[in-house]
C-alpha atoms as a PDB file:
ATOM      1  CA  MET A   1       0.000   0.000   0.000  1.00  0.00           C
ATOM      2  CA  THR A   2       1.413   3.360  -1.016  1.00  0.00           C
ATOM      3  CA  GLN A   3       0.688   6.514   0.912  1.00  0.00           C
ATOM      4  CA  HIS A   4       0.359   9.814  -0.852  1.00  0.00           C
ATOM      5  CA  PHE A   5       0.777  13.075   0.984  1.00  0.00           C
ATOM      6  CA  THR A   6      -0.924  16.201  -0.134  1.00  0.00           C
ATOM      7  CA  GLY A   7       1.046  19.387  -0.549  1.00  0.00           C
ATOM      8  CA  SER A   8      -0.571  20.868   2.550  1.00  0.00           C
ATOM      9  CA  ALA A   9       0.385  17.857   4.683  1.00  0.00           C
ATOM     10  CA  VAL A  10       4.007  18.094   3.562  1.00  0.00           C
ATOM     11  CA  ALA A  11       4.003  21.852   4.119  1.00  0.00           C
ATOM     12  CA  GLY A  12       2.501  21.356   7.574  1.00  0.00           C
ATOM     13  CA  ALA A  13       5.151  18.804   8.500  1.00  0.00           C
ATOM     14  CA  ALA A  14       7.886  21.098   7.195  1.00  0.00           C
ATOM     15  CA  GLY A  15       6.463  24.022   9.155  1.00  0.00           C
ATOM     16  CA  PHE A  16       6.372  21.913  12.305  1.00  0.00           C
ATOM     17  CA  ALA A  17      10.002  20.867  11.812  1.00  0.00           C
ATOM     18  CA  ILE A  18      11.071  24.464  11.219  1.00  0.00           C
ATOM     19  CA  GLY A  19       9.210  25.533  14.362  1.00  0.00           C
ATOM     20  CA  LEU A  20      11.006  22.902  16.445  1.00  0.00           C
ATOM     21  CA  ALA A  21      14.359  23.932  15.020  1.00  0.00           C
ATOM     22  CA  ALA A  22      13.635  27.605  15.721  1.00  0.00           C
ATOM     23  CA  ALA A  23      12.647  26.831  19.306  1.00  0.00           C
ATOM     24  CA  HIS A  24      15.891  24.945  19.898  1.00  0.00           C
ATOM     25  CA  ALA A  25      17.904  27.747  18.271  1.00  0.00           C
ATOM     26  CA  ARG A  26      16.196  30.306  20.546  1.00  0.00           C
ATOM     27  CA  LYS A  27      16.943  28.156  23.601  1.00  0.00           C
ATOM     28  CA  ALA A  28      20.571  27.759  22.558  1.00  0.00           C
ATOM     29  CA  ALA A  29      20.904  31.525  22.032  1.00  0.00           C
ATOM     30  CA  ALA A  30      19.360  32.230  25.443  1.00  0.00           C
ATOM     31  CA  GLN A  31      21.706  29.780  27.151  1.00  0.00           C
ATOM     32  CA  ALA A  32      24.854  30.647  25.157  1.00  0.00           C
ATOM     33  CA  PRO A  33      26.174  33.405  27.452  1.00  0.00           C
ATOM     34  CA  SER A  34      26.039  31.049  30.426  1.00  0.00           C
ATOM     35  CA  VAL A  35      27.706  28.181  28.584  1.00  0.00           C
ATOM     36  CA  VAL A  36      30.473  30.449  27.288  1.00  0.00           C
ATOM     37  CA  ALA A  37      31.077  31.820  30.797  1.00  0.00           C
ATOM     38  CA  GLY A  38      32.662  28.563  31.923  1.00  0.00           C
ATOM     39  CA  ASP A  39      31.840  26.461  34.932  1.00  0.00           C
ATOM     40  CA  TRP A  40      28.588  26.605  36.870  1.00  0.00           C
ATOM     41  CA  ALA A  41      29.717  29.316  39.298  1.00  0.00           C
ATOM     42  CA  ASP A  42      31.062  31.560  36.522  1.00  0.00           C
ATOM     43  CA  ALA A  43      27.922  31.025  34.450  1.00  0.00           C
ATOM     44  CA  LEU A  44      25.640  31.923  37.350  1.00  0.00           C
ATOM     45  CA  ALA A  45      27.738  35.021  38.117  1.00  0.00           C
ATOM     46  CA  ALA A  46      27.470  36.083  34.451  1.00  0.00           C
ATOM     47  CA  GLU A  47      23.693  35.706  34.680  1.00  0.00           C
ATOM     48  CA  HIS A  48      23.716  37.860  37.832  1.00  0.00           C
ATOM     49  CA  ARG A  49      25.502  40.623  35.880  1.00  0.00           C
ATOM     50  CA  MET A  50      22.947  40.392  33.048  1.00  0.00           C
ATOM     51  CA  VAL A  51      20.063  40.778  35.507  1.00  0.00           C
ATOM     52  CA  GLU A  52      21.786  43.710  37.198  1.00  0.00           C
ATOM     53  CA  ALA A  53      22.103  45.415  33.791  1.00  0.00           C
ATOM     54  CA  LEU A  54      18.357  44.929  33.250  1.00  0.00           C
ATOM     55  CA  PHE A  55      17.699  46.467  36.661  1.00  0.00           C
ATOM     56  CA  ASP A  56      19.850  49.455  35.683  1.00  0.00           C
ATOM     57  CA  LYS A  57      17.657  49.963  32.614  1.00  0.00           C
ATOM     58  CA  LEU A  58      14.495  49.521  34.668  1.00  0.00           C
ATOM     59  CA  LEU A  59      15.551  52.034  37.304  1.00  0.00           C
ATOM     60  CA  ALA A  60      16.560  54.532  34.606  1.00  0.00           C
ATOM     61  CA  THR A  61      12.889  54.825  33.573  1.00  0.00           C
ATOM     62  CA  ASP A  62      10.490  57.406  34.918  1.00  0.00           C
ATOM     63  CA  ASP A  63       6.863  57.175  36.000  1.00  0.00           C
ATOM     64  CA  SER A  64       5.634  57.991  32.464  1.00  0.00           C
ATOM     65  CA  GLN A  65       7.261  54.859  30.997  1.00  0.00           C
ATOM     66  CA  GLY A  66       4.872  52.222  32.271  1.00  0.00           C
ATOM     67  CA  ARG A  67       5.040  50.021  29.187  1.00  0.00           C
ATOM     68  CA  LYS A  68       8.850  50.046  29.193  1.00  0.00           C
ATOM     69  CA  ARG A  69       8.863  49.230  32.907  1.00  0.00           C
ATOM     70  CA  ALA A  70       6.499  46.301  32.346  1.00  0.00           C
ATOM     71  CA  THR A  71       8.660  44.981  29.508  1.00  0.00           C
ATOM     72  CA  LEU A  72      11.858  45.247  31.540  1.00  0.00           C
ATOM     73  CA  LEU A  73      10.212  43.661  34.581  1.00  0.00           C
ATOM     74  CA  SER A  74       9.128  40.758  32.356  1.00  0.00           C
ATOM     75  CA  LYS A  75      12.688  40.361  31.086  1.00  0.00           C
ATOM     76  CA  ILE A  76      14.009  40.387  34.659  1.00  0.00           C
ATOM     77  CA  ALA A  77      11.385  37.866  35.748  1.00  0.00           C
ATOM     78  CA  TYR A  78      12.221  35.570  32.819  1.00  0.00           C
ATOM     79  CA  ALA A  79      15.973  35.780  33.444  1.00  0.00           C
ATOM     80  CA  LEU A  80      15.562  35.142  37.178  1.00  0.00           C
ATOM     81  CA  ASN A  81      13.193  32.234  36.565  1.00  0.00           C
ATOM     82  CA  LYS A  82      15.595  30.562  34.133  1.00  0.00           C
ATOM     83  CA  HIS A  83      18.494  31.227  36.477  1.00  0.00           C
ATOM     84  CA  GLY A  84      16.528  30.047  39.511  1.00  0.00           C
ATOM     85  CA  ILE A  85      15.624  26.735  37.903  1.00  0.00           C
ATOM     86  CA  ALA A  86      19.295  25.850  37.476  1.00  0.00           C
ATOM     87  CA  GLU A  87      20.119  26.870  41.032  1.00  0.00           C
ATOM     88  CA  GLU A  88      17.073  25.267  42.655  1.00  0.00           C
ATOM     89  CA  ASN A  89      17.227  21.998  40.722  1.00  0.00           C
ATOM     90  CA  VAL A  90      20.994  21.455  40.700  1.00  0.00           C
ATOM     91  CA  ILE A  91      23.121  23.778  42.827  1.00  0.00           C
ATOM     92  CA  TYR A  92      21.030  24.102  45.986  1.00  0.00           C
ATOM     93  CA  PRO A  93      20.406  20.346  46.339  1.00  0.00           C
ATOM     94  CA  GLU A  94      24.162  19.780  45.989  1.00  0.00           C
ATOM     95  CA  LEU A  95      24.740  22.527  48.548  1.00  0.00           C
ATOM     96  CA  LYS A  96      22.298  20.857  50.921  1.00  0.00           C
ATOM     97  CA  GLN A  97      24.175  17.558  50.628  1.00  0.00           C
ATOM     98  CA  ARG A  98      27.608  19.117  51.060  1.00  0.00           C
ATOM     99  CA  ALA A  99      27.049  22.005  53.493  1.00  0.00           C
ATOM    100  CA  GLY A 100      23.831  21.224  55.272  1.00  0.00           C
ATOM    101  CA  GLU A 101      20.226  22.199  55.076  1.00  0.00           C
ATOM    102  CA  GLU A 102      20.395  25.691  56.574  1.00  0.00           C
ATOM    103  CA  GLU A 103      22.398  27.354  53.780  1.00  0.00           C
ATOM    104  CA  ALA A 104      20.286  25.767  51.067  1.00  0.00           C
ATOM    105  CA  ARG A 105      17.058  26.702  52.861  1.00  0.00           C
ATOM    106  CA  HIS A 106      18.211  30.310  53.143  1.00  0.00           C
ATOM    107  CA  LEU A 107      18.830  30.510  49.379  1.00  0.00           C
ATOM    108  CA  PHE A 108      15.492  28.855  48.559  1.00  0.00           C
ATOM    109  CA  GLU A 109      13.778  31.417  50.799  1.00  0.00           C
ATOM    110  CA  ASP A 110      15.565  34.245  48.983  1.00  0.00           C
ATOM    111  CA  HIS A 111      14.207  32.895  45.702  1.00  0.00           C
ATOM    112  CA  ALA A 112      10.697  32.777  47.152  1.00  0.00           C
ATOM    113  CA  GLU A 113      11.064  36.421  48.174  1.00  0.00           C
ATOM    114  CA  ILE A 114      12.158  37.287  44.619  1.00  0.00           C
ATOM    115  CA  LYS A 115       8.920  35.786  43.310  1.00  0.00           C
ATOM    116  CA  VAL A 116       6.963  37.885  45.804  1.00  0.00           C
ATOM    117  CA  PHE A 117       8.720  41.052  44.626  1.00  0.00           C
ATOM    118  CA  ILE A 118       7.843  40.249  41.012  1.00  0.00           C
ATOM    119  CA  HIS A 119       4.226  39.587  41.901  1.00  0.00           C
ATOM    120  CA  ARG A 120       3.892  42.770  43.941  1.00  0.00           C
ATOM    121  CA  LEU A 121       5.429  44.902  41.189  1.00  0.00           C
ATOM    122  CA  ARG A 122       3.146  43.366  38.568  1.00  0.00           C
ATOM    123  CA  MET A 123       0.121  44.119  40.734  1.00  0.00           C
ATOM    124  CA  MET A 124       1.065  47.772  41.295  1.00  0.00           C
ATOM    125  CA  ASP A 125       0.576  50.759  39.030  1.00  0.00           C
ATOM    126  CA  SER A 126       4.065  51.316  37.623  1.00  0.00           C
ATOM    127  CA  ALA A 127       3.424  55.053  37.304  1.00  0.00           C
ATOM    128  CA  THR A 128       3.717  55.614  41.049  1.00  0.00           C
ATOM    129  CA  SER A 129       6.640  56.492  43.266  1.00  0.00           C
ATOM    130  CA  GLY A 130       5.818  53.449  45.418  1.00  0.00           C
ATOM    131  CA  TRP A 131       6.479  51.199  42.433  1.00  0.00           C
ATOM    132  CA  ARG A 132       9.950  52.650  42.001  1.00  0.00           C
ATOM    133  CA  VAL A 133      10.719  52.295  45.723  1.00  0.00           C
ATOM    134  CA  LEU A 134       9.698  48.634  45.580  1.00  0.00           C
ATOM    135  CA  ALA A 135      11.718  48.086  42.381  1.00  0.00           C
ATOM    136  CA  GLU A 136      14.793  49.526  44.119  1.00  0.00           C
ATOM    137  CA  ALA A 137      14.252  47.244  47.121  1.00  0.00           C
ATOM    138  CA  PHE A 138      13.868  44.317  44.712  1.00  0.00           C
ATOM    139  CA  ARG A 139      17.178  45.158  43.028  1.00  0.00           C
ATOM    140  CA  ASP A 140      18.895  45.449  46.415  1.00  0.00           C
ATOM    141  CA  HIS A 141      17.531  42.038  47.432  1.00  0.00           C
ATOM    142  CA  VAL A 142      18.722  40.399  44.211  1.00  0.00           C
ATOM    143  CA  VAL A 143      22.172  42.021  44.377  1.00  0.00           C
ATOM    144  CA  THR A 144      22.644  41.041  48.036  1.00  0.00           C
ATOM    145  CA  HIS A 145      21.587  37.464  47.249  1.00  0.00           C
ATOM    146  CA  ALA A 146      23.937  37.302  44.238  1.00  0.00           C
ATOM    147  CA  ARG A 147      26.930  38.661  46.168  1.00  0.00           C
ATOM    148  CA  GLU A 148      26.382  36.182  48.983  1.00  0.00           C
ATOM    149  CA  GLU A 149      26.338  33.333  46.470  1.00  0.00           C
ATOM    150  CA  GLU A 150      29.352  34.579  44.502  1.00  0.00           C
ATOM    151  CA  GLU A 151      31.577  35.636  47.398  1.00  0.00           C
ATOM    152  CA  VAL A 152      30.770  33.097  50.110  1.00  0.00           C
ATOM    153  CA  ILE A 153      28.516  30.161  49.296  1.00  0.00           C
ATOM    154  CA  PHE A 154      29.530  29.131  45.781  1.00  0.00           C
ATOM    155  CA  PRO A 155      33.315  29.320  46.339  1.00  0.00           C
ATOM    156  CA  ALA A 156      32.937  27.151  49.442  1.00  0.00           C
ATOM    157  CA  LEU A 157      30.794  24.614  47.563  1.00  0.00           C
ATOM    158  CA  LYS A 158      33.135  24.600  44.599  1.00  0.00           C
ATOM    159  CA  ALA A 159      36.091  23.910  46.918  1.00  0.00           C
ATOM    160  CA  ARG A 160      34.289  20.867  48.367  1.00  0.00           C
ATOM    161  CA  LEU A 161      33.880  19.328  44.909  1.00  0.00           C
ATOM    162  CA  SER A 162      36.390  17.539  42.736  1.00  0.00           C
ATOM    163  CA  GLU A 163      37.086  18.771  39.218  1.00  0.00           C
ATOM    164  CA  THR A 164      34.907  15.956  37.881  1.00  0.00           C
ATOM    165  CA  GLU A 165      32.049  16.833  40.254  1.00  0.00           C
ATOM    166  CA  ASN A 166      32.256  20.513  39.298  1.00  0.00           C
ATOM    167  CA  ALA A 167      32.154  19.565  35.599  1.00  0.00           C
ATOM    168  CA  ARG A 168      29.101  17.377  36.194  1.00  0.00           C
ATOM    169  CA  LEU A 169      27.377  20.180  38.119  1.00  0.00           C
ATOM    170  CA  THR A 170      28.115  22.565  35.232  1.00  0.00           C
ATOM    171  CA  LYS A 171      26.601  20.160  32.722  1.00  0.00           C
ATOM    172  CA  LEU A 172      23.482  19.613  34.851  1.00  0.00           C
ATOM    173  CA  ALA A 173      22.987  23.334  35.546  1.00  0.00           C
ATOM    174  CA  ASN A 174      23.312  24.175  31.840  1.00  0.00           C
ATOM    175  CA  TRP A 175      20.802  21.473  30.953  1.00  0.00           C
ATOM    176  CA  GLU A 176      18.253  22.692  33.518  1.00  0.00           C
ATOM    177  CA  ALA A 177      18.551  26.272  32.253  1.00  0.00           C
ATOM    178  CA  PHE A 178      18.343  25.139  28.615  1.00  0.00           C
ATOM    179  CA  LYS A 179      15.070  23.334  29.304  1.00  0.00           C
ATOM    180  CA  VAL A 180      13.390  26.566  30.374  1.00  0.00           C
ATOM    181  CA  ALA A 181      15.261  28.986  28.098  1.00  0.00           C
END
Protein backbone atom coordinates (compact mmCIF):
# COMPACT_ATOMS: atom_id res chain seq x y z
CA MET A 1 0.00 0.00 0.00
CA THR A 2 1.41 3.36 -1.02
CA GLN A 3 0.69 6.51 0.91
CA HIS A 4 0.36 9.81 -0.85
CA PHE A 5 0.78 13.07 0.98
CA THR A 6 -0.92 16.20 -0.13
CA GLY A 7 1.05 19.39 -0.55
CA SER A 8 -0.57 20.87 2.55
CA ALA A 9 0.39 17.86 4.68
CA VAL A 10 4.01 18.09 3.56
CA ALA A 11 4.00 21.85 4.12
CA GLY A 12 2.50 21.36 7.57
CA ALA A 13 5.15 18.80 8.50
CA ALA A 14 7.89 21.10 7.20
CA GLY A 15 6.46 24.02 9.16
CA PHE A 16 6.37 21.91 12.30
CA ALA A 17 10.00 20.87 11.81
CA ILE A 18 11.07 24.46 11.22
CA GLY A 19 9.21 25.53 14.36
CA LEU A 20 11.01 22.90 16.45
CA ALA A 21 14.36 23.93 15.02
CA ALA A 22 13.63 27.61 15.72
CA ALA A 23 12.65 26.83 19.31
CA HIS A 24 15.89 24.95 19.90
CA ALA A 25 17.90 27.75 18.27
CA ARG A 26 16.20 30.31 20.55
CA LYS A 27 16.94 28.16 23.60
CA ALA A 28 20.57 27.76 22.56
CA ALA A 29 20.90 31.53 22.03
CA ALA A 30 19.36 32.23 25.44
CA GLN A 31 21.71 29.78 27.15
CA ALA A 32 24.85 30.65 25.16
CA PRO A 33 26.17 33.41 27.45
CA SER A 34 26.04 31.05 30.43
CA VAL A 35 27.71 28.18 28.58
CA VAL A 36 30.47 30.45 27.29
CA ALA A 37 31.08 31.82 30.80
CA GLY A 38 32.66 28.56 31.92
CA ASP A 39 31.84 26.46 34.93
CA TRP A 40 28.59 26.61 36.87
CA ALA A 41 29.72 29.32 39.30
CA ASP A 42 31.06 31.56 36.52
CA ALA A 43 27.92 31.02 34.45
CA LEU A 44 25.64 31.92 37.35
CA ALA A 45 27.74 35.02 38.12
CA ALA A 46 27.47 36.08 34.45
CA GLU A 47 23.69 35.71 34.68
CA HIS A 48 23.72 37.86 37.83
CA ARG A 49 25.50 40.62 35.88
CA MET A 50 22.95 40.39 33.05
CA VAL A 51 20.06 40.78 35.51
CA GLU A 52 21.79 43.71 37.20
CA ALA A 53 22.10 45.41 33.79
CA LEU A 54 18.36 44.93 33.25
CA PHE A 55 17.70 46.47 36.66
CA ASP A 56 19.85 49.46 35.68
CA LYS A 57 17.66 49.96 32.61
CA LEU A 58 14.49 49.52 34.67
CA LEU A 59 15.55 52.03 37.30
CA ALA A 60 16.56 54.53 34.61
CA THR A 61 12.89 54.82 33.57
CA ASP A 62 10.49 57.41 34.92
CA ASP A 63 6.86 57.17 36.00
CA SER A 64 5.63 57.99 32.46
CA GLN A 65 7.26 54.86 31.00
CA GLY A 66 4.87 52.22 32.27
CA ARG A 67 5.04 50.02 29.19
CA LYS A 68 8.85 50.05 29.19
CA ARG A 69 8.86 49.23 32.91
CA ALA A 70 6.50 46.30 32.35
CA THR A 71 8.66 44.98 29.51
CA LEU A 72 11.86 45.25 31.54
CA LEU A 73 10.21 43.66 34.58
CA SER A 74 9.13 40.76 32.36
CA LYS A 75 12.69 40.36 31.09
CA ILE A 76 14.01 40.39 34.66
CA ALA A 77 11.38 37.87 35.75
CA TYR A 78 12.22 35.57 32.82
CA ALA A 79 15.97 35.78 33.44
CA LEU A 80 15.56 35.14 37.18
CA ASN A 81 13.19 32.23 36.57
CA LYS A 82 15.59 30.56 34.13
CA HIS A 83 18.49 31.23 36.48
CA GLY A 84 16.53 30.05 39.51
CA ILE A 85 15.62 26.74 37.90
CA ALA A 86 19.30 25.85 37.48
CA GLU A 87 20.12 26.87 41.03
CA GLU A 88 17.07 25.27 42.66
CA ASN A 89 17.23 22.00 40.72
CA VAL A 90 20.99 21.46 40.70
CA ILE A 91 23.12 23.78 42.83
CA TYR A 92 21.03 24.10 45.99
CA PRO A 93 20.41 20.35 46.34
CA GLU A 94 24.16 19.78 45.99
CA LEU A 95 24.74 22.53 48.55
CA LYS A 96 22.30 20.86 50.92
CA GLN A 97 24.17 17.56 50.63
CA ARG A 98 27.61 19.12 51.06
CA ALA A 99 27.05 22.00 53.49
CA GLY A 100 23.83 21.22 55.27
CA GLU A 101 20.23 22.20 55.08
CA GLU A 102 20.39 25.69 56.57
CA GLU A 103 22.40 27.35 53.78
CA ALA A 104 20.29 25.77 51.07
CA ARG A 105 17.06 26.70 52.86
CA HIS A 106 18.21 30.31 53.14
CA LEU A 107 18.83 30.51 49.38
CA PHE A 108 15.49 28.86 48.56
CA GLU A 109 13.78 31.42 50.80
CA ASP A 110 15.57 34.25 48.98
CA HIS A 111 14.21 32.90 45.70
CA ALA A 112 10.70 32.78 47.15
CA GLU A 113 11.06 36.42 48.17
CA ILE A 114 12.16 37.29 44.62
CA LYS A 115 8.92 35.79 43.31
CA VAL A 116 6.96 37.89 45.80
CA PHE A 117 8.72 41.05 44.63
CA ILE A 118 7.84 40.25 41.01
CA HIS A 119 4.23 39.59 41.90
CA ARG A 120 3.89 42.77 43.94
CA LEU A 121 5.43 44.90 41.19
CA ARG A 122 3.15 43.37 38.57
CA MET A 123 0.12 44.12 40.73
CA MET A 124 1.06 47.77 41.29
CA ASP A 125 0.58 50.76 39.03
CA SER A 126 4.06 51.32 37.62
CA ALA A 127 3.42 55.05 37.30
CA THR A 128 3.72 55.61 41.05
CA SER A 129 6.64 56.49 43.27
CA GLY A 130 5.82 53.45 45.42
CA TRP A 131 6.48 51.20 42.43
CA ARG A 132 9.95 52.65 42.00
CA VAL A 133 10.72 52.29 45.72
CA LEU A 134 9.70 48.63 45.58
CA ALA A 135 11.72 48.09 42.38
CA GLU A 136 14.79 49.53 44.12
CA ALA A 137 14.25 47.24 47.12
CA PHE A 138 13.87 44.32 44.71
CA ARG A 139 17.18 45.16 43.03
CA ASP A 140 18.89 45.45 46.41
CA HIS A 141 17.53 42.04 47.43
CA VAL A 142 18.72 40.40 44.21
CA VAL A 143 22.17 42.02 44.38
CA THR A 144 22.64 41.04 48.04
CA HIS A 145 21.59 37.46 47.25
CA ALA A 146 23.94 37.30 44.24
CA ARG A 147 26.93 38.66 46.17
CA GLU A 148 26.38 36.18 48.98
CA GLU A 149 26.34 33.33 46.47
CA GLU A 150 29.35 34.58 44.50
CA GLU A 151 31.58 35.64 47.40
CA VAL A 152 30.77 33.10 50.11
CA ILE A 153 28.52 30.16 49.30
CA PHE A 154 29.53 29.13 45.78
CA PRO A 155 33.32 29.32 46.34
CA ALA A 156 32.94 27.15 49.44
CA LEU A 157 30.79 24.61 47.56
CA LYS A 158 33.13 24.60 44.60
CA ALA A 159 36.09 23.91 46.92
CA ARG A 160 34.29 20.87 48.37
CA LEU A 161 33.88 19.33 44.91
CA SER A 162 36.39 17.54 42.74
CA GLU A 163 37.09 18.77 39.22
CA THR A 164 34.91 15.96 37.88
CA GLU A 165 32.05 16.83 40.25
CA ASN A 166 32.26 20.51 39.30
CA ALA A 167 32.15 19.57 35.60
CA ARG A 168 29.10 17.38 36.19
CA LEU A 169 27.38 20.18 38.12
CA THR A 170 28.12 22.57 35.23
CA LYS A 171 26.60 20.16 32.72
CA LEU A 172 23.48 19.61 34.85
CA ALA A 173 22.99 23.33 35.55
CA ASN A 174 23.31 24.17 31.84
CA TRP A 175 20.80 21.47 30.95
CA GLU A 176 18.25 22.69 33.52
CA ALA A 177 18.55 26.27 32.25
CA PHE A 178 18.34 25.14 28.61
CA LYS A 179 15.07 23.33 29.30
CA VAL A 180 13.39 26.57 30.37
CA ALA A 181 15.26 28.99 28.10
